Amino acid sequence: MNTNTILVERDTFESNGRSFFSYFIKGQVRGKEVKAAVMPPDKGGYAVLDIVFGEAMSAELVIKPYEIKDEATGNVIKGNTYAARSVDKTTGEVFECTIKPFRNSDKMLLNMILRWAEH
């Protein structure tokens, strides 16, 4: 993969008079700007993402490859898990929260963004 850092970004939106954050990864695929929506693995993860992001509107995307071998068939399943990461500038402490694509279409977009980032 290329050495450019891919960011998880956030933006505010209003719902029922309250402000919330939406999280996404932007990229360019075939010359078109796209956004893949991401979310924490469960509802409680939004509080963790708030800590990871702090006052910032972006955090580093961390990609962790995995392989699982099905002992019965011998098939190997490969994929990636994702996380948003930030480092406290004062203490050097690392904050991280697992994230996943919001919808299946976001998973496809994220895969495209990552492939095109390699070019």
Protein backbone atom coordinates (compact mmCIF):
# COMPACT_ATOMS: atom_id res chain seq x y z
CA MET A 1 0.00 0.00 0.00
CA ASN A 2 1.20 3.52 -0.55
CA THR A 3 2.59 5.52 2.37
CA ASN A 4 -0.18 8.12 2.44
CA THR A 5 -2.22 8.02 5.62
CA ILE A 6 -5.89 7.31 5.04
CA LEU A 7 -8.13 9.15 7.46
CA VAL A 8 -11.36 8.35 9.21
CA GLU A 9 -13.24 11.62 9.29
CA ARG A 10 -16.34 12.82 11.06
CA ASP A 11 -19.00 15.41 10.46
CA THR A 12 -21.93 16.64 12.51
CA PHE A 13 -25.58 16.19 11.71
CA GLU A 14 -28.80 17.12 13.52
CA SER A 15 -31.56 14.72 14.49
CA ASN A 16 -34.50 15.52 16.78
CA GLY A 17 -32.81 18.74 17.88
CA ARG A 18 -29.59 17.01 18.93
CA SER A 19 -26.16 16.99 17.29
CA PHE A 20 -24.43 13.73 16.39
CA PHE A 21 -21.35 12.67 14.46
CA SER A 22 -21.26 10.55 11.33
CA TYR A 23 -18.00 8.80 10.47
CA PHE A 24 -16.62 8.12 7.00
CA ILE A 25 -13.57 7.48 4.87
CA LYS A 26 -13.16 9.60 1.75
CA GLY A 27 -11.29 8.62 -1.34
CA GLN A 28 -11.19 8.81 -5.09
CA VAL A 29 -12.13 5.90 -7.33
CA ARG A 30 -11.87 6.22 -11.11
CA GLY A 31 -11.72 9.99 -10.77
CA LYS A 32 -14.86 10.18 -8.63
CA GLU A 33 -14.90 11.41 -5.02
CA VAL A 34 -16.59 8.80 -2.80
CA LYS A 35 -17.34 8.34 0.92
CA ALA A 36 -17.66 5.05 2.75
CA ALA A 37 -19.66 5.38 5.96
CA VAL A 38 -18.20 3.57 8.97
CA MET A 39 -19.43 2.88 12.48
CA PRO A 40 -18.21 1.25 15.69
CA PRO A 41 -19.02 -2.44 16.16
CA ASP A 42 -21.80 -1.65 18.65
CA LYS A 43 -23.77 1.37 19.85
CA GLY A 44 -21.51 1.90 22.89
CA GLY A 45 -18.57 2.37 20.53
CA TYR A 46 -19.70 5.91 19.69
CA ALA A 47 -18.52 7.03 23.15
CA VAL A 48 -15.17 5.35 22.46
CA LEU A 49 -14.91 7.10 19.07
CA ASP A 50 -15.56 10.44 20.81
CA ILE A 51 -12.52 9.74 23.01
CA VAL A 52 -10.36 8.64 20.08
CA PHE A 53 -11.20 11.76 18.06
CA GLY A 54 -11.07 14.18 21.02
CA GLU A 55 -11.42 17.66 19.55
CA ALA A 56 -10.15 16.58 16.11
CA MET A 57 -12.34 15.88 13.09
CA SER A 58 -10.12 13.08 11.75
CA ALA A 59 -8.12 10.09 12.95
CA GLU A 60 -5.79 7.63 11.25
CA LEU A 61 -7.28 4.51 9.64
CA VAL A 62 -5.55 1.34 10.86
CA ILE A 63 -5.89 -1.76 8.70
CA LYS A 64 -5.23 -5.14 10.32
CA PRO A 65 -5.18 -8.14 7.96
CA TYR A 66 -6.39 -11.51 9.21
CA GLU A 67 -6.56 -15.11 7.99
CA ILE A 68 -8.81 -17.84 9.33
CA LYS A 69 -8.42 -21.45 8.24
CA ASP A 70 -11.51 -23.63 8.15
CA GLU A 71 -10.14 -26.88 9.59
CA ALA A 72 -12.95 -28.94 8.04
CA THR A 73 -12.43 -27.75 4.46
CA GLY A 74 -8.92 -26.34 4.55
CA ASN A 75 -10.20 -23.11 3.00
CA VAL A 76 -8.48 -19.92 4.14
CA ILE A 77 -10.62 -16.84 4.60
CA LYS A 78 -8.71 -13.56 4.35
CA GLY A 79 -9.84 -10.07 5.16
CA ASN A 80 -9.16 -6.92 7.11
CA THR A 81 -10.37 -5.39 10.33
CA TYR A 82 -10.31 -1.62 10.71
CA ALA A 83 -9.80 0.86 13.52
CA ALA A 84 -9.61 4.62 14.04
CA ARG A 85 -6.46 5.67 15.92
CA SER A 86 -5.12 8.87 17.40
CA VAL A 87 -2.08 9.70 19.51
CA ASP A 88 -2.20 12.26 22.31
CA LYS A 89 0.36 14.92 21.39
CA THR A 90 1.22 15.61 25.04
CA THR A 91 1.48 12.12 26.53
CA GLY A 92 2.04 9.97 23.44
CA GLU A 93 -0.82 7.71 24.57
CA VAL A 94 -2.53 5.83 21.73
CA PHE A 95 -6.33 5.75 21.53
CA GLU A 96 -8.01 3.27 19.20
CA CYS A 97 -11.52 2.06 18.39
CA THR A 98 -12.53 -0.74 16.04
CA ILE A 99 -14.77 0.38 13.17
CA LYS A 100 -16.64 -1.38 10.40
CA PRO A 101 -18.41 -0.35 7.19
CA PHE A 102 -21.95 0.89 7.88
CA ARG A 103 -23.66 -0.97 5.00
CA ASN A 104 -22.60 -3.62 2.52
CA SER A 105 -22.28 -0.90 -0.14
CA ASP A 106 -19.90 0.99 2.20
CA LYS A 107 -17.80 -2.18 2.48
CA MET A 108 -17.55 -2.31 -1.33
CA LEU A 109 -16.66 1.40 -1.49
CA LEU A 110 -14.02 1.02 1.23
CA ASN A 111 -12.40 -1.86 -0.66
CA MET A 112 -12.33 0.31 -3.81
CA ILE A 113 -10.86 3.28 -1.92
CA LEU A 114 -8.10 1.09 -0.48
CA ARG A 115 -7.28 -0.50 -3.85
CA TRP A 116 -7.15 2.89 -5.59
CA ALA A 117 -5.00 4.33 -2.78
CA GLU A 118 -2.33 1.80 -3.77
CA HIS A 119 -1.93 3.46 -7.18
